[in-house]
């Protein structure tokens, strides 16, 4: 392994960026950090992230099952309808879905829901239904994350590093920095 000066700068080793260590050697990237960076890049790729929206709009949302939903929200500045497809982290009640903001509070859809919690959601190919968003307190978010981790351990093992890369901080099931929201379907007015 080549030795390098300890400048504290990022260097490239086999095409992967790493941080120089204080021992003046380059620390090779781990597989999970490479997956995390790659996954974070995919999440930042607008074209790839918009593709599921077109499938939902073409009434093909059933292809994703109940693990994802399409969220229609209103832009806080523009007032325009916006759409995003999100993974369902939990489904604690028949009328409630829990989602997480993988980019934290800087996510545009999350900021829009803080400004206007009235949304519409489509799950498993069902049409859009009115719902209200509510940010989960830390204790509820921790419980939702722990339940997700136990239900989907392999998915979490791969996805945790991706989320840590997008959030820029470590995630644990206690005092999680991952913002989570409950989307509760509104009752039809009679």
N, C-alpha and C. Protein backbone atom coordinates (compact mmCIF):
# COMPACT_ATOMS: atom_id res chain seq x y z
N UNK A 1 0.86 -1.17 0.00
CA UNK A 1 0.00 0.00 0.00
C UNK A 1 0.90 1.23 0.00
N UNK A 2 0.62 2.24 -0.83
CA UNK A 2 1.49 3.39 -0.92
C UNK A 2 1.38 4.28 0.31
N UNK A 3 2.53 4.84 0.71
CA UNK A 3 2.53 5.79 1.82
C UNK A 3 2.24 7.18 1.27
N UNK A 4 1.65 8.03 2.07
CA UNK A 4 1.33 9.39 1.65
C UNK A 4 1.65 10.35 2.78
N UNK A 5 1.72 11.65 2.44
CA UNK A 5 1.89 12.68 3.47
C UNK A 5 0.60 12.81 4.27
N UNK A 6 0.71 13.18 5.52
CA UNK A 6 -0.47 13.38 6.36
C UNK A 6 -0.93 14.82 6.22
N UNK A 7 -1.74 15.07 5.20
CA UNK A 7 -2.27 16.41 4.97
C UNK A 7 -3.70 16.53 5.43
N UNK A 8 -4.32 15.39 5.77
CA UNK A 8 -5.72 15.42 6.18
C UNK A 8 -6.68 15.62 5.02
N UNK A 9 -6.15 15.56 3.79
CA UNK A 9 -6.99 15.74 2.62
C UNK A 9 -7.48 14.41 2.11
N UNK A 10 -8.52 14.47 1.31
CA UNK A 10 -9.03 13.25 0.70
C UNK A 10 -8.11 12.85 -0.45
N UNK A 11 -7.88 11.56 -0.59
CA UNK A 11 -7.07 11.03 -1.68
C UNK A 11 -7.88 9.96 -2.39
N UNK A 12 -7.38 9.53 -3.53
CA UNK A 12 -8.09 8.50 -4.28
C UNK A 12 -7.26 7.22 -4.28
N UNK A 13 -7.91 6.11 -3.99
CA UNK A 13 -7.27 4.80 -4.00
C UNK A 13 -8.18 3.87 -4.78
N UNK A 14 -7.74 3.37 -5.88
CA UNK A 14 -8.54 2.47 -6.72
C UNK A 14 -9.89 3.10 -7.08
N UNK A 15 -9.88 4.40 -7.35
CA UNK A 15 -11.11 5.06 -7.78
C UNK A 15 -12.04 5.46 -6.66
N UNK A 16 -11.70 5.15 -5.41
CA UNK A 16 -12.58 5.49 -4.28
C UNK A 16 -11.90 6.55 -3.43
N UNK A 17 -12.63 7.55 -3.01
CA UNK A 17 -12.07 8.60 -2.16
C UNK A 17 -11.98 8.10 -0.73
N UNK A 18 -10.85 8.38 -0.12
CA UNK A 18 -10.66 8.01 1.29
C UNK A 18 -10.01 9.17 2.00
N UNK A 19 -10.03 9.13 3.30
CA UNK A 19 -9.40 10.14 4.14
C UNK A 19 -8.03 9.62 4.53
N UNK A 20 -7.00 10.49 4.40
CA UNK A 20 -5.68 10.08 4.85
C UNK A 20 -5.70 9.91 6.35
N UNK A 21 -5.03 8.91 6.84
CA UNK A 21 -4.97 8.69 8.28
C UNK A 21 -3.78 9.42 8.86
N UNK A 22 -3.75 9.53 10.17
CA UNK A 22 -2.64 10.22 10.83
C UNK A 22 -1.36 9.41 10.78
N UNK A 23 -1.43 8.14 10.44
CA UNK A 23 -0.23 7.30 10.39
C UNK A 23 0.45 7.39 9.04
N UNK A 24 0.05 8.33 8.20
CA UNK A 24 0.64 8.58 6.89
C UNK A 24 0.45 7.45 5.91
N UNK A 25 -0.58 6.64 6.08
CA UNK A 25 -0.92 5.64 5.09
C UNK A 25 -2.36 5.86 4.68
N UNK A 26 -2.68 5.38 3.51
CA UNK A 26 -4.04 5.53 3.01
C UNK A 26 -4.89 4.38 3.53
N UNK A 27 -6.02 4.72 4.11
CA UNK A 27 -6.95 3.70 4.61
C UNK A 27 -7.86 3.29 3.46
N UNK A 28 -7.85 2.01 3.08
CA UNK A 28 -8.71 1.60 1.97
C UNK A 28 -10.17 1.70 2.36
N UNK A 29 -11.03 2.01 1.39
CA UNK A 29 -12.45 2.11 1.71
C UNK A 29 -13.02 0.73 2.03
N UNK A 30 -13.97 0.70 2.93
CA UNK A 30 -14.64 -0.55 3.23
C UNK A 30 -15.75 -0.75 2.21
N UNK A 31 -16.21 -1.97 2.09
CA UNK A 31 -17.28 -2.26 1.14
C UNK A 31 -18.54 -1.47 1.50
N UNK A 32 -18.85 -1.38 2.80
CA UNK A 32 -20.07 -0.68 3.20
C UNK A 32 -19.97 0.81 2.91
N UNK A 33 -18.77 1.41 3.04
CA UNK A 33 -18.66 2.84 2.74
C UNK A 33 -18.79 3.07 1.25
N UNK A 34 -18.28 2.15 0.43
CA UNK A 34 -18.44 2.28 -1.02
C UNK A 34 -19.91 2.14 -1.41
N UNK A 35 -20.60 1.20 -0.79
CA UNK A 35 -22.04 1.03 -1.04
C UNK A 35 -22.78 2.28 -0.59
N UNK A 36 -22.40 2.81 0.56
CA UNK A 36 -23.05 4.01 1.08
C UNK A 36 -22.89 5.19 0.16
N UNK A 37 -21.67 5.40 -0.34
CA UNK A 37 -21.44 6.52 -1.27
C UNK A 37 -22.18 6.30 -2.57
N UNK A 38 -22.16 5.06 -3.07
CA UNK A 38 -22.88 4.76 -4.31
C UNK A 38 -24.38 4.94 -4.15
N UNK A 39 -24.91 4.46 -3.04
CA UNK A 39 -26.34 4.61 -2.77
C UNK A 39 -26.72 6.06 -2.60
N UNK A 40 -25.86 6.84 -1.93
CA UNK A 40 -26.13 8.28 -1.76
C UNK A 40 -26.14 8.97 -3.11
N UNK A 41 -25.23 8.57 -4.01
CA UNK A 41 -25.23 9.15 -5.36
C UNK A 41 -26.53 8.85 -6.08
N UNK A 42 -27.01 7.61 -5.99
CA UNK A 42 -28.28 7.24 -6.62
C UNK A 42 -29.41 8.11 -6.08
N UNK A 43 -29.43 8.29 -4.75
CA UNK A 43 -30.50 9.10 -4.14
C UNK A 43 -30.43 10.56 -4.57
N UNK A 44 -29.25 11.02 -4.94
CA UNK A 44 -29.11 12.41 -5.39
C UNK A 44 -29.35 12.56 -6.90
N UNK A 45 -29.51 11.45 -7.60
CA UNK A 45 -29.73 11.48 -9.05
C UNK A 45 -31.22 11.71 -9.32
N UNK A 46 -31.55 12.91 -9.73
CA UNK A 46 -32.95 13.31 -9.88
C UNK A 46 -33.71 12.42 -10.87
N UNK A 47 -33.11 12.10 -12.01
CA UNK A 47 -33.81 11.29 -13.02
C UNK A 47 -34.18 9.91 -12.47
N UNK A 48 -33.24 9.27 -11.77
CA UNK A 48 -33.53 7.95 -11.20
C UNK A 48 -34.60 8.02 -10.12
N UNK A 49 -34.56 9.07 -9.32
CA UNK A 49 -35.53 9.19 -8.23
C UNK A 49 -36.92 9.59 -8.74
N UNK A 50 -37.01 10.19 -9.91
CA UNK A 50 -38.31 10.60 -10.44
C UNK A 50 -39.00 9.46 -11.19
N UNK A 51 -38.27 8.45 -11.63
CA UNK A 51 -38.85 7.36 -12.42
C UNK A 51 -40.05 6.68 -11.75
N UNK A 52 -40.00 6.34 -10.46
CA UNK A 52 -41.17 5.70 -9.84
C UNK A 52 -42.43 6.57 -9.87
N UNK A 53 -42.26 7.88 -9.87
CA UNK A 53 -43.43 8.76 -9.92
C UNK A 53 -44.22 8.51 -11.20
N UNK A 54 -43.52 8.35 -12.30
CA UNK A 54 -44.20 8.10 -13.58
C UNK A 54 -44.93 6.77 -13.56
N UNK A 55 -44.36 5.78 -12.89
CA UNK A 55 -45.05 4.49 -12.76
C UNK A 55 -46.32 4.63 -11.93
N UNK A 56 -46.24 5.35 -10.83
CA UNK A 56 -47.45 5.59 -10.02
C UNK A 56 -48.50 6.34 -10.83
N UNK A 57 -48.06 7.36 -11.56
CA UNK A 57 -49.02 8.14 -12.36
C UNK A 57 -49.65 7.32 -13.47
N UNK A 58 -48.94 6.30 -13.94
CA UNK A 58 -49.47 5.41 -14.97
C UNK A 58 -50.29 4.28 -14.35
N UNK A 59 -50.63 4.43 -13.08
CA UNK A 59 -51.42 3.46 -12.32
C UNK A 59 -50.71 2.11 -12.18
N UNK A 60 -49.39 2.16 -12.11
CA UNK A 60 -48.59 0.94 -11.94
C UNK A 60 -47.94 0.88 -10.55
N UNK A 61 -48.45 1.66 -9.61
CA UNK A 61 -47.91 1.67 -8.26
C UNK A 61 -47.97 0.32 -7.58
N UNK A 62 -48.91 -0.52 -8.01
CA UNK A 62 -49.03 -1.86 -7.42
C UNK A 62 -47.76 -2.67 -7.60
N UNK A 63 -46.93 -2.33 -8.61
CA UNK A 63 -45.68 -3.04 -8.83
C UNK A 63 -44.73 -2.92 -7.63
N UNK A 64 -44.86 -1.83 -6.89
CA UNK A 64 -44.01 -1.60 -5.72
C UNK A 64 -44.58 -2.23 -4.45
N UNK A 65 -45.82 -2.67 -4.49
CA UNK A 65 -46.45 -3.24 -3.30
C UNK A 65 -46.68 -2.18 -2.26
N UNK A 66 -46.74 -2.60 -1.01
CA UNK A 66 -47.03 -1.65 0.06
C UNK A 66 -45.76 -1.15 0.76
N UNK A 67 -44.58 -1.46 0.20
CA UNK A 67 -43.31 -0.98 0.79
C UNK A 67 -43.00 0.46 0.41
N UNK A 68 -43.71 0.99 -0.59
CA UNK A 68 -43.50 2.38 -0.98
C UNK A 68 -44.85 3.07 -1.12
N UNK A 69 -44.80 4.39 -1.14
CA UNK A 69 -46.00 5.18 -1.41
C UNK A 69 -45.59 6.41 -2.21
N UNK A 70 -46.56 6.95 -2.94
CA UNK A 70 -46.32 8.22 -3.62
C UNK A 70 -47.00 9.30 -2.80
N UNK A 71 -46.23 10.33 -2.49
CA UNK A 71 -46.72 11.45 -1.70
C UNK A 71 -46.90 12.67 -2.59
N UNK A 72 -48.11 13.22 -2.59
CA UNK A 72 -48.37 14.48 -3.28
C UNK A 72 -48.42 15.57 -2.22
N UNK A 73 -47.62 16.59 -2.39
CA UNK A 73 -47.57 17.69 -1.42
C UNK A 73 -47.54 19.00 -2.18
N UNK A 74 -47.66 20.10 -1.46
CA UNK A 74 -47.72 21.42 -2.08
C UNK A 74 -46.43 22.17 -1.78
N UNK A 75 -45.83 22.74 -2.82
CA UNK A 75 -44.61 23.53 -2.64
C UNK A 75 -44.86 24.71 -1.72
N UNK A 76 -44.00 24.88 -0.74
CA UNK A 76 -44.21 25.92 0.27
C UNK A 76 -44.07 27.33 -0.30
N UNK A 77 -43.32 27.50 -1.37
CA UNK A 77 -43.15 28.82 -2.00
C UNK A 77 -43.98 28.94 -3.26
N UNK A 78 -43.97 27.89 -4.09
CA UNK A 78 -44.64 27.96 -5.39
C UNK A 78 -46.14 27.68 -5.30
N UNK A 79 -46.55 26.88 -4.33
CA UNK A 79 -47.94 26.46 -4.25
C UNK A 79 -48.28 25.37 -5.25
N UNK A 80 -47.28 24.91 -6.01
CA UNK A 80 -47.50 23.87 -7.03
C UNK A 80 -47.52 22.49 -6.39
N UNK A 81 -48.24 21.58 -7.04
CA UNK A 81 -48.25 20.18 -6.58
C UNK A 81 -46.89 19.57 -6.86
N UNK A 82 -46.39 18.83 -5.89
CA UNK A 82 -45.11 18.13 -6.00
C UNK A 82 -45.33 16.67 -5.64
N UNK A 83 -44.48 15.80 -6.17
CA UNK A 83 -44.60 14.37 -5.93
C UNK A 83 -43.26 13.77 -5.56
N UNK A 84 -43.30 12.76 -4.69
CA UNK A 84 -42.11 12.01 -4.33
C UNK A 84 -42.58 10.59 -3.96
N UNK A 85 -41.76 9.59 -4.28
CA UNK A 85 -42.04 8.22 -3.88
C UNK A 85 -41.09 7.89 -2.74
N UNK A 86 -41.65 7.37 -1.65
CA UNK A 86 -40.90 7.10 -0.43
C UNK A 86 -41.12 5.67 0.04
N UNK A 87 -40.12 5.13 0.73
CA UNK A 87 -40.29 3.81 1.34
C UNK A 87 -41.13 3.95 2.60
N UNK A 88 -42.03 3.01 2.79
CA UNK A 88 -42.84 2.96 4.00
C UNK A 88 -42.00 2.26 5.07
N UNK A 89 -41.68 3.00 6.13
CA UNK A 89 -40.88 2.47 7.23
C UNK A 89 -41.75 1.67 8.18
N UNK A 90 -42.98 2.09 8.33
CA UNK A 90 -43.90 1.39 9.22
C UNK A 90 -45.34 1.65 8.83
N UNK A 91 -46.20 0.74 9.29
CA UNK A 91 -47.65 0.83 9.01
C UNK A 91 -48.36 0.43 10.31
N UNK A 92 -48.26 1.32 11.34
CA UNK A 92 -48.72 0.94 12.68
C UNK A 92 -50.24 0.79 12.82
N UNK A 93 -50.98 1.37 11.90
CA UNK A 93 -52.45 1.26 11.94
C UNK A 93 -52.94 1.23 10.50
N UNK A 94 -54.15 0.72 10.27
CA UNK A 94 -54.64 0.63 8.89
C UNK A 94 -54.69 1.97 8.15
N UNK A 95 -54.79 3.06 8.91
CA UNK A 95 -54.89 4.37 8.26
C UNK A 95 -53.63 5.22 8.41
N UNK A 96 -52.50 4.61 8.83
CA UNK A 96 -51.28 5.37 9.10
C UNK A 96 -50.06 4.71 8.47
N UNK A 97 -49.25 5.54 7.81
CA UNK A 97 -47.99 5.09 7.20
C UNK A 97 -46.88 5.96 7.75
N UNK A 98 -45.74 5.35 8.07
CA UNK A 98 -44.60 6.10 8.57
C UNK A 98 -43.53 6.12 7.49
N UNK A 99 -42.99 7.31 7.21
CA UNK A 99 -41.92 7.49 6.23
C UNK A 99 -40.78 8.25 6.89
N UNK A 100 -39.57 8.11 6.33
CA UNK A 100 -38.39 8.79 6.86
C UNK A 100 -37.83 9.73 5.80
N UNK A 101 -37.24 10.81 6.25
CA UNK A 101 -36.59 11.75 5.35
C UNK A 101 -35.10 11.45 5.31
N UNK A 102 -34.67 10.73 4.27
CA UNK A 102 -33.28 10.31 4.15
C UNK A 102 -32.29 11.44 4.01
N UNK A 103 -32.74 12.62 3.61
CA UNK A 103 -31.87 13.78 3.53
C UNK A 103 -32.09 14.72 4.72
N UNK A 104 -32.78 14.22 5.72
CA UNK A 104 -32.99 15.01 6.92
C UNK A 104 -33.94 16.17 6.70
N UNK A 105 -33.76 17.20 7.49
CA UNK A 105 -34.67 18.35 7.43
C UNK A 105 -34.42 19.23 6.22
N UNK A 106 -33.35 18.98 5.48
CA UNK A 106 -33.10 19.79 4.28
C UNK A 106 -33.82 19.26 3.04
N UNK A 107 -34.44 18.10 3.16
CA UNK A 107 -35.21 17.54 2.05
C UNK A 107 -36.36 18.49 1.71
N UNK A 108 -36.55 18.74 0.42
CA UNK A 108 -37.59 19.68 0.00
C UNK A 108 -38.99 19.19 0.38
N UNK A 109 -39.27 17.92 0.18
CA UNK A 109 -40.60 17.42 0.51
C UNK A 109 -40.86 17.54 2.01
N UNK A 110 -39.84 17.30 2.82
CA UNK A 110 -39.98 17.41 4.27
C UNK A 110 -40.27 18.85 4.67
N UNK A 111 -39.55 19.78 4.07
CA UNK A 111 -39.76 21.21 4.35
C UNK A 111 -41.16 21.64 3.91
N UNK A 112 -41.62 21.09 2.79
CA UNK A 112 -42.97 21.42 2.32
C UNK A 112 -44.03 20.90 3.30
N UNK A 113 -43.83 19.71 3.85
CA UNK A 113 -44.79 19.16 4.81
C UNK A 113 -44.79 19.92 6.13
N UNK A 114 -43.66 20.47 6.52
CA UNK A 114 -43.62 21.31 7.72
C UNK A 114 -44.48 22.56 7.50
N UNK A 115 -44.44 23.09 6.28
CA UNK A 115 -45.21 24.29 5.97
C UNK A 115 -46.70 23.98 5.78
N UNK A 116 -47.01 22.83 5.20
CA UNK A 116 -48.40 22.45 4.95
C UNK A 116 -48.53 20.93 5.07
N UNK A 117 -49.03 20.44 6.20
CA UNK A 117 -49.09 18.99 6.42
C UNK A 117 -50.24 18.28 5.69
N UNK A 118 -51.07 19.02 4.96
CA UNK A 118 -52.17 18.39 4.21
C UNK A 118 -51.61 17.82 2.90
N UNK A 119 -51.69 16.50 2.73
CA UNK A 119 -51.09 15.82 1.59
C UNK A 119 -52.09 14.83 1.00
N UNK A 120 -51.68 14.17 -0.06
CA UNK A 120 -52.40 13.01 -0.60
C UNK A 120 -51.37 11.92 -0.83
N UNK A 121 -51.78 10.68 -0.57
CA UNK A 121 -50.86 9.55 -0.76
C UNK A 121 -51.52 8.46 -1.59
N UNK A 122 -50.67 7.71 -2.29
CA UNK A 122 -51.11 6.55 -3.04
C UNK A 122 -50.22 5.38 -2.63
N UNK A 123 -50.85 4.29 -2.20
CA UNK A 123 -50.11 3.11 -1.75
C UNK A 123 -50.59 1.90 -2.52
N UNK A 124 -49.65 1.09 -3.02
CA UNK A 124 -49.96 -0.18 -3.68
C UNK A 124 -50.99 -0.05 -4.79
N UNK A 125 -50.89 1.01 -5.56
CA UNK A 125 -51.77 1.16 -6.72
C UNK A 125 -53.12 1.76 -6.44
N UNK A 126 -53.45 2.02 -5.18
CA UNK A 126 -54.70 2.70 -4.86
C UNK A 126 -54.58 4.15 -5.27
N UNK A 127 -55.69 4.77 -5.60
CA UNK A 127 -55.67 6.17 -5.98
C UNK A 127 -55.21 7.08 -4.85
N UNK A 128 -54.98 8.32 -5.17
CA UNK A 128 -54.56 9.30 -4.16
C UNK A 128 -55.66 9.52 -3.13
N UNK A 129 -55.26 9.50 -1.85
CA UNK A 129 -56.20 9.72 -0.75
C UNK A 129 -55.64 10.81 0.16
N UNK A 130 -56.52 11.67 0.66
CA UNK A 130 -56.10 12.76 1.54
C UNK A 130 -55.55 12.21 2.85
N UNK A 131 -54.50 12.88 3.33
CA UNK A 131 -53.86 12.49 4.59
C UNK A 131 -53.26 13.73 5.25
N UNK A 132 -52.90 13.58 6.50
CA UNK A 132 -52.26 14.65 7.25
C UNK A 132 -50.94 14.13 7.80
N UNK A 133 -49.88 14.92 7.62
CA UNK A 133 -48.55 14.54 8.08
C UNK A 133 -48.30 15.08 9.48
N UNK A 134 -47.59 14.26 10.28
CA UNK A 134 -47.21 14.67 11.63
C UNK A 134 -45.80 14.14 11.89
N UNK A 135 -44.90 15.03 12.30
CA UNK A 135 -43.55 14.59 12.63
C UNK A 135 -43.59 13.77 13.91
N UNK A 136 -42.91 12.62 13.87
CA UNK A 136 -42.86 11.76 15.06
C UNK A 136 -41.88 12.32 16.07
N UNK A 137 -42.28 12.33 17.35
CA UNK A 137 -41.31 12.68 18.40
C UNK A 137 -40.20 11.63 18.42
N UNK A 138 -39.07 11.97 19.01
CA UNK A 138 -37.90 11.09 19.00
C UNK A 138 -38.22 9.68 19.49
N UNK A 139 -38.96 9.54 20.56
CA UNK A 139 -39.27 8.20 21.10
C UNK A 139 -40.05 7.37 20.08
N UNK A 140 -41.03 7.97 19.41
CA UNK A 140 -41.80 7.24 18.40
C UNK A 140 -40.93 6.91 17.18
N UNK A 141 -40.07 7.86 16.78
CA UNK A 141 -39.17 7.61 15.65
C UNK A 141 -38.21 6.47 15.97
N UNK A 142 -37.68 6.46 17.20
CA UNK A 142 -36.79 5.37 17.62
C UNK A 142 -37.50 4.02 17.55
N UNK A 143 -38.74 3.98 18.03
CA UNK A 143 -39.51 2.73 18.01
C UNK A 143 -39.80 2.30 16.56
N UNK A 144 -40.14 3.24 15.70
CA UNK A 144 -40.41 2.91 14.30
C UNK A 144 -39.15 2.39 13.61
N UNK A 145 -38.01 3.02 13.89
CA UNK A 145 -36.75 2.57 13.29
C UNK A 145 -36.36 1.19 13.81
N UNK A 146 -36.51 0.95 15.10
CA UNK A 146 -36.20 -0.37 15.67
C UNK A 146 -37.08 -1.45 15.07
N UNK A 147 -38.35 -1.15 14.88
CA UNK A 147 -39.26 -2.13 14.27
C UNK A 147 -38.87 -2.40 12.82
N UNK A 148 -38.50 -1.35 12.08
CA UNK A 148 -38.06 -1.53 10.69
C UNK A 148 -36.80 -2.39 10.65
N UNK A 149 -35.84 -2.11 11.54
CA UNK A 149 -34.59 -2.86 11.57
C UNK A 149 -34.84 -4.34 11.85
N UNK A 150 -35.79 -4.66 12.71
CA UNK A 150 -36.07 -6.06 13.01
C UNK A 150 -36.85 -6.75 11.89
N UNK A 151 -37.72 -6.01 11.19
CA UNK A 151 -38.49 -6.59 10.08
C UNK A 151 -37.65 -6.77 8.81
N UNK A 152 -36.70 -5.87 8.59
CA UNK A 152 -35.92 -5.88 7.34
C UNK A 152 -34.42 -5.77 7.65
N UNK A 153 -33.84 -6.74 8.33
CA UNK A 153 -32.43 -6.61 8.74
C UNK A 153 -31.45 -6.54 7.57
N UNK A 154 -31.69 -7.29 6.52
CA UNK A 154 -30.76 -7.24 5.37
C UNK A 154 -30.85 -5.91 4.65
N UNK A 155 -32.06 -5.41 4.45
CA UNK A 155 -32.23 -4.11 3.80
C UNK A 155 -31.58 -3.03 4.66
N UNK A 156 -31.78 -3.08 5.97
CA UNK A 156 -31.22 -2.07 6.86
C UNK A 156 -29.70 -2.13 6.85
N UNK A 157 -29.13 -3.34 6.81
CA UNK A 157 -27.67 -3.48 6.80
C UNK A 157 -27.05 -2.75 5.61
N UNK A 158 -27.72 -2.78 4.47
CA UNK A 158 -27.20 -2.10 3.28
C UNK A 158 -27.59 -0.62 3.27
N UNK A 159 -28.81 -0.33 3.68
CA UNK A 159 -29.33 1.02 3.54
C UNK A 159 -28.85 1.98 4.63
N UNK A 160 -28.46 1.45 5.78
CA UNK A 160 -28.02 2.31 6.88
C UNK A 160 -26.85 3.19 6.45
N UNK A 161 -25.88 2.61 5.78
CA UNK A 161 -24.71 3.37 5.36
C UNK A 161 -25.08 4.43 4.33
N UNK A 162 -26.04 4.11 3.46
CA UNK A 162 -26.52 5.10 2.48
C UNK A 162 -27.12 6.30 3.21
N UNK A 163 -27.98 6.03 4.18
CA UNK A 163 -28.61 7.11 4.94
C UNK A 163 -27.58 7.93 5.72
N UNK A 164 -26.60 7.26 6.28
CA UNK A 164 -25.57 7.98 7.02
C UNK A 164 -24.79 8.90 6.09
N UNK A 165 -24.58 8.47 4.84
CA UNK A 165 -23.91 9.31 3.86
C UNK A 165 -24.76 10.51 3.46
N UNK A 166 -26.07 10.31 3.30
CA UNK A 166 -26.92 11.43 2.89
C UNK A 166 -27.16 12.39 4.05
N UNK A 167 -27.28 11.87 5.28
CA UNK A 167 -27.50 12.72 6.45
C UNK A 167 -26.22 13.38 6.94
N UNK A 168 -25.09 12.70 6.72
CA UNK A 168 -23.82 13.21 7.21
C UNK A 168 -23.58 12.93 8.68
N UNK A 169 -24.30 11.97 9.24
CA UNK A 169 -24.13 11.61 10.64
C UNK A 169 -24.51 10.15 10.85
N UNK A 170 -24.03 9.58 11.94
CA UNK A 170 -24.34 8.18 12.26
C UNK A 170 -25.80 8.05 12.70
N UNK A 171 -26.38 6.90 12.40
CA UNK A 171 -27.77 6.63 12.77
C UNK A 171 -27.79 5.45 13.73
N UNK A 172 -28.51 5.62 14.82
CA UNK A 172 -28.73 4.52 15.75
C UNK A 172 -30.22 4.49 16.07
N UNK A 173 -30.64 3.43 16.72
CA UNK A 173 -32.07 3.33 17.04
C UNK A 173 -32.42 4.08 18.31
N UNK A 174 -31.47 4.76 18.92
CA UNK A 174 -31.71 5.59 20.10
C UNK A 174 -31.36 7.03 19.75
N UNK A 175 -32.31 7.94 19.96
CA UNK A 175 -32.10 9.35 19.63
C UNK A 175 -31.74 9.51 18.15
N UNK A 176 -32.47 8.83 17.29
CA UNK A 176 -32.16 8.85 15.87
C UNK A 176 -32.25 10.26 15.28
N UNK A 177 -31.26 10.64 14.46
CA UNK A 177 -31.33 11.94 13.80
C UNK A 177 -32.17 11.88 12.51
N UNK A 178 -32.68 10.71 12.20
CA UNK A 178 -33.47 10.50 10.98
C UNK A 178 -34.90 10.99 11.21
N UNK A 179 -35.29 12.10 10.57
CA UNK A 179 -36.66 12.60 10.78
C UNK A 179 -37.68 11.63 10.19
N UNK A 180 -38.72 11.34 10.97
CA UNK A 180 -39.79 10.45 10.51
C UNK A 180 -41.13 11.14 10.68
N UNK A 181 -42.02 10.83 9.74
CA UNK A 181 -43.36 11.40 9.77
C UNK A 181 -44.40 10.30 9.67
N UNK A 182 -45.50 10.51 10.36
CA UNK A 182 -46.67 9.64 10.23
C UNK A 182 -47.62 10.32 9.26
N UNK A 183 -48.07 9.59 8.26
CA UNK A 183 -49.06 10.09 7.30
C UNK A 183 -50.36 9.37 7.61
N UNK A 184 -51.30 10.09 8.19
CA UNK A 184 -52.57 9.47 8.58
C UNK A 184 -53.66 9.86 7.59
N UNK A 185 -54.32 8.83 7.06
CA UNK A 185 -55.40 9.08 6.11
C UNK A 185 -56.53 9.85 6.79
N UNK A 186 -57.03 10.87 6.09
CA UNK A 186 -58.14 11.64 6.63
C UNK A 186 -59.42 10.83 6.47
N UNK A 187 -60.30 10.97 7.42
CA UNK A 187 -61.60 10.30 7.33
C UNK A 187 -62.47 11.04 6.32
N UNK A 188 -63.19 10.30 5.49
CA UNK A 188 -64.06 10.97 4.53
C UNK A 188 -65.15 11.77 5.26
N UNK A 189 -65.41 12.95 4.74
CA UNK A 189 -66.46 13.77 5.35
C UNK A 189 -67.82 13.25 4.91
N UNK A 190 -68.75 13.16 5.87
CA UNK A 190 -70.08 12.67 5.52
C UNK A 190 -71.08 13.78 5.40
